Structure formats: C-alpha cells, structure tokens
C-alpha cells in the first residue's frame, strides 16, 4: 500500500508541474496576443511598427524615403 501512495504522490507532482508549465505558456501567449492587438490597433490608426517595437506615425516619416514594407499589408482581418 505504501508503494502505491508514493506512486500516486509522484503522479500528482508530475501533473502539478505540467499544469504550472501550461499556465506559464498561457500567460506568455496572452501577453503576445495583447501586444499584437495593440500593434494592429496602432496600424489601423495610421501608424506602423518599428523593428525595435516602437511605433512611428506614417505621416511623420523622415526624408520621405521608401522603406521596406512590414508585410502586414497583405493580412486580411475579418
């Protein structure tokens, strides 16, 4: 009977570790989704993301240079 208890405790510990890992992944995914939603909202408001994570207003681009497109122009939002 004691061996069975040890086995069950081990199984519970393993399951708790799995749940903790999944919880961390979920939190990270939610943070990334929020970041992408903010970027999308900024794009809809006439701004474009900078490679460093900042945002530049499209109307205020310096020197009027044609910069590389972000690739977000082809995304269709339904």
N, C-alpha and C. Protein backbone atom coordinates (compact mmCIF):
# COMPACT_ATOMS: atom_id res chain seq x y z
N UNK A 1 0.82 -1.19 0.00
CA UNK A 1 0.00 0.00 0.00
C UNK A 1 0.87 1.25 0.00
N UNK A 2 1.97 1.24 0.69
CA UNK A 2 2.85 2.40 0.77
C UNK A 2 3.45 2.73 -0.59
N UNK A 3 3.79 1.70 -1.36
CA UNK A 3 4.34 1.93 -2.69
C UNK A 3 3.32 2.62 -3.59
N UNK A 4 2.08 2.25 -3.43
CA UNK A 4 1.01 2.85 -4.24
C UNK A 4 0.85 4.33 -3.88
N UNK A 5 0.96 4.67 -2.63
CA UNK A 5 0.85 6.07 -2.19
C UNK A 5 2.00 6.88 -2.76
N UNK A 6 3.19 6.34 -2.70
CA UNK A 6 4.37 7.03 -3.26
C UNK A 6 4.19 7.24 -4.76
N UNK A 7 3.68 6.21 -5.43
CA UNK A 7 3.45 6.32 -6.87
C UNK A 7 2.41 7.40 -7.18
N UNK A 8 1.33 7.44 -6.43
CA UNK A 8 0.30 8.46 -6.63
C UNK A 8 0.82 9.86 -6.34
N UNK A 9 1.61 10.00 -5.28
CA UNK A 9 2.19 11.31 -4.96
C UNK A 9 3.12 11.77 -6.07
N UNK A 10 3.87 10.85 -6.65
CA UNK A 10 4.76 11.17 -7.75
C UNK A 10 3.95 11.62 -8.98
N UNK A 11 2.87 10.89 -9.24
CA UNK A 11 2.00 11.25 -10.36
C UNK A 11 1.39 12.63 -10.16
N UNK A 12 0.93 12.92 -8.96
CA UNK A 12 0.34 14.23 -8.66
C UNK A 12 1.39 15.33 -8.84
N UNK A 13 2.60 15.09 -8.36
CA UNK A 13 3.67 16.09 -8.51
C UNK A 13 3.96 16.35 -9.99
N UNK A 14 3.98 15.30 -10.79
CA UNK A 14 4.22 15.44 -12.22
C UNK A 14 3.09 16.23 -12.87
N UNK A 15 1.86 15.94 -12.52
CA UNK A 15 0.71 16.65 -13.07
C UNK A 15 0.73 18.13 -12.67
N UNK A 16 1.10 18.41 -11.43
CA UNK A 16 1.18 19.80 -10.97
C UNK A 16 2.24 20.55 -11.75
N UNK A 17 3.37 19.91 -12.02
CA UNK A 17 4.43 20.55 -12.80
C UNK A 17 3.94 20.82 -14.23
N UNK A 18 3.20 19.88 -14.79
CA UNK A 18 2.65 20.06 -16.13
C UNK A 18 1.68 21.23 -16.17
N UNK A 19 0.80 21.31 -15.19
CA UNK A 19 -0.17 22.40 -15.12
C UNK A 19 0.55 23.74 -14.97
N UNK A 20 1.58 23.79 -14.13
CA UNK A 20 2.34 25.03 -13.96
C UNK A 20 2.99 25.47 -15.27
N UNK A 21 3.55 24.51 -16.00
CA UNK A 21 4.17 24.83 -17.29
C UNK A 21 3.15 25.33 -18.29
N UNK A 22 2.00 24.68 -18.35
CA UNK A 22 0.94 25.12 -19.26
C UNK A 22 0.41 26.50 -18.88
N UNK A 23 0.33 26.78 -17.59
CA UNK A 23 -0.14 28.08 -17.12
C UNK A 23 0.84 29.17 -17.58
N UNK A 24 2.14 28.91 -17.45
CA UNK A 24 3.15 29.88 -17.89
C UNK A 24 3.05 30.13 -19.39
N UNK A 25 2.86 29.06 -20.17
CA UNK A 25 2.71 29.21 -21.61
C UNK A 25 1.47 30.02 -21.96
N UNK A 26 0.39 29.81 -21.22
CA UNK A 26 -0.84 30.55 -21.46
C UNK A 26 -0.65 32.03 -21.16
N UNK A 27 0.03 32.34 -20.07
CA UNK A 27 0.29 33.74 -19.73
C UNK A 27 1.14 34.40 -20.82
N UNK A 28 2.18 33.71 -21.27
CA UNK A 28 3.04 34.24 -22.34
C UNK A 28 2.24 34.46 -23.62
N UNK A 29 1.39 33.50 -23.96
CA UNK A 29 0.58 33.63 -25.17
C UNK A 29 -0.38 34.80 -25.06
N UNK A 30 -0.99 34.98 -23.90
CA UNK A 30 -1.91 36.11 -23.71
C UNK A 30 -1.18 37.44 -23.83
N UNK A 31 0.03 37.53 -23.28
CA UNK A 31 0.81 38.76 -23.40
C UNK A 31 1.13 39.05 -24.87
N UNK A 32 1.51 38.02 -25.61
CA UNK A 32 1.83 38.20 -27.03
C UNK A 32 0.59 38.62 -27.81
N UNK A 33 -0.56 38.04 -27.50
CA UNK A 33 -1.80 38.41 -28.16
C UNK A 33 -2.13 39.87 -27.89
N UNK A 34 -1.98 40.31 -26.64
CA UNK A 34 -2.24 41.72 -26.32
C UNK A 34 -1.31 42.64 -27.10
N UNK A 35 -0.03 42.26 -27.20
CA UNK A 35 0.93 43.06 -27.95
C UNK A 35 0.52 43.14 -29.42
N UNK A 36 0.15 42.02 -30.01
CA UNK A 36 -0.28 42.02 -31.41
C UNK A 36 -1.55 42.82 -31.61
N UNK A 37 -2.48 42.75 -30.66
CA UNK A 37 -3.71 43.55 -30.76
C UNK A 37 -3.41 45.03 -30.70
N UNK A 38 -2.47 45.44 -29.81
CA UNK A 38 -2.08 46.85 -29.74
C UNK A 38 -1.45 47.30 -31.05
N UNK A 39 -0.56 46.46 -31.61
CA UNK A 39 0.08 46.81 -32.87
C UNK A 39 -0.94 46.93 -33.99
N UNK A 40 -1.90 46.04 -34.01
CA UNK A 40 -2.95 46.09 -35.02
C UNK A 40 -3.78 47.36 -34.87
N UNK A 41 -4.13 47.72 -33.65
CA UNK A 41 -4.89 48.94 -33.41
C UNK A 41 -4.09 50.16 -33.85
N UNK A 42 -2.79 50.16 -33.58
CA UNK A 42 -1.94 51.28 -33.99
C UNK A 42 -1.87 51.37 -35.51
N UNK A 43 -1.81 50.22 -36.18
CA UNK A 43 -1.79 50.22 -37.64
C UNK A 43 -3.10 50.77 -38.20
N UNK A 44 -4.18 50.41 -37.57
CA UNK A 44 -5.48 50.92 -38.02
C UNK A 44 -5.59 52.42 -37.80
N UNK A 45 -4.86 52.94 -36.82
CA UNK A 45 -4.89 54.37 -36.53
C UNK A 45 -3.87 55.15 -37.34
N UNK A 46 -3.22 54.52 -38.30
CA UNK A 46 -2.31 55.23 -39.19
C UNK A 46 -0.87 55.24 -38.74
N UNK A 47 -0.47 54.30 -37.95
CA UNK A 47 0.92 54.22 -37.52
C UNK A 47 1.47 52.87 -37.98
N UNK A 48 2.79 52.76 -38.06
CA UNK A 48 3.40 51.49 -38.43
C UNK A 48 4.45 51.12 -37.39
N UNK A 49 4.62 49.83 -37.13
CA UNK A 49 5.58 49.41 -36.11
C UNK A 49 7.02 49.57 -36.58
N UNK A 50 7.88 49.90 -35.68
CA UNK A 50 9.32 49.95 -35.92
C UNK A 50 9.91 48.59 -35.58
N UNK A 51 11.04 48.21 -36.18
CA UNK A 51 11.65 46.91 -35.86
C UNK A 51 11.99 46.75 -34.37
N UNK A 52 12.25 47.84 -33.67
CA UNK A 52 12.61 47.75 -32.26
C UNK A 52 11.39 47.69 -31.35
N UNK A 53 10.19 47.62 -31.95
CA UNK A 53 8.98 47.50 -31.15
C UNK A 53 8.26 48.83 -30.97
N UNK A 54 8.90 49.94 -31.32
CA UNK A 54 8.27 51.25 -31.23
C UNK A 54 7.31 51.45 -32.39
N UNK A 55 6.69 52.59 -32.42
CA UNK A 55 5.74 52.90 -33.49
C UNK A 55 6.05 54.28 -34.02
N UNK A 56 6.02 54.43 -35.36
CA UNK A 56 6.24 55.71 -36.00
C UNK A 56 4.98 56.07 -36.74
N UNK A 57 4.54 57.32 -36.59
CA UNK A 57 3.38 57.80 -37.32
C UNK A 57 3.75 57.86 -38.79
N UNK A 58 2.97 57.26 -39.67
CA UNK A 58 3.28 57.20 -41.08
C UNK A 58 3.38 58.61 -41.66
N UNK A 59 2.60 59.52 -41.18
CA UNK A 59 2.62 60.89 -41.68
C UNK A 59 3.88 61.65 -41.30
N UNK A 60 4.68 61.14 -40.40
CA UNK A 60 5.86 61.84 -39.93
C UNK A 60 7.16 61.12 -40.28
N UNK A 61 7.18 60.32 -41.34
CA UNK A 61 8.41 59.63 -41.73
C UNK A 61 9.45 60.65 -42.17
N UNK A 62 10.66 60.44 -41.71
CA UNK A 62 11.75 61.35 -42.04
C UNK A 62 12.19 61.16 -43.48
N UNK A 63 12.52 62.24 -44.18
CA UNK A 63 13.10 62.26 -45.53
C UNK A 63 12.19 61.67 -46.60
N UNK A 64 11.03 61.20 -46.27
CA UNK A 64 10.12 60.64 -47.25
C UNK A 64 10.68 59.43 -47.98
N UNK A 65 11.66 58.75 -47.41
CA UNK A 65 12.26 57.58 -48.03
C UNK A 65 11.25 56.44 -48.08
N UNK A 66 11.32 55.68 -49.16
CA UNK A 66 10.50 54.47 -49.25
C UNK A 66 11.21 53.38 -48.47
N UNK A 67 10.66 53.02 -47.33
CA UNK A 67 11.26 51.99 -46.52
C UNK A 67 10.64 50.65 -46.84
N UNK A 68 11.30 49.60 -46.44
CA UNK A 68 10.81 48.25 -46.65
C UNK A 68 9.44 48.09 -46.00
N UNK A 69 8.53 47.44 -46.69
CA UNK A 69 7.20 47.24 -46.13
C UNK A 69 7.25 46.20 -45.03
N UNK A 70 6.31 46.30 -44.09
CA UNK A 70 6.29 45.40 -42.95
C UNK A 70 5.71 44.03 -43.28
N UNK A 71 5.02 43.92 -44.40
CA UNK A 71 4.40 42.64 -44.74
C UNK A 71 3.00 42.51 -44.16
N UNK A 72 2.59 43.49 -43.35
CA UNK A 72 1.27 43.44 -42.72
C UNK A 72 0.18 43.91 -43.69
N UNK A 73 0.58 44.48 -44.81
CA UNK A 73 -0.41 45.00 -45.78
C UNK A 73 -1.23 43.87 -46.38
N UNK A 74 -0.70 42.66 -46.42
CA UNK A 74 -1.39 41.54 -47.04
C UNK A 74 -2.31 40.79 -46.08
N UNK A 75 -2.34 41.18 -44.81
CA UNK A 75 -3.16 40.49 -43.82
C UNK A 75 -4.60 40.93 -43.97
N UNK A 76 -5.48 39.99 -44.05
CA UNK A 76 -6.92 40.27 -44.18
C UNK A 76 -7.55 40.03 -42.81
N UNK A 77 -8.22 41.06 -42.30
CA UNK A 77 -8.88 40.95 -41.00
C UNK A 77 -10.37 40.89 -41.25
N UNK A 78 -11.00 39.84 -40.77
CA UNK A 78 -12.43 39.66 -40.99
C UNK A 78 -13.20 40.10 -39.78
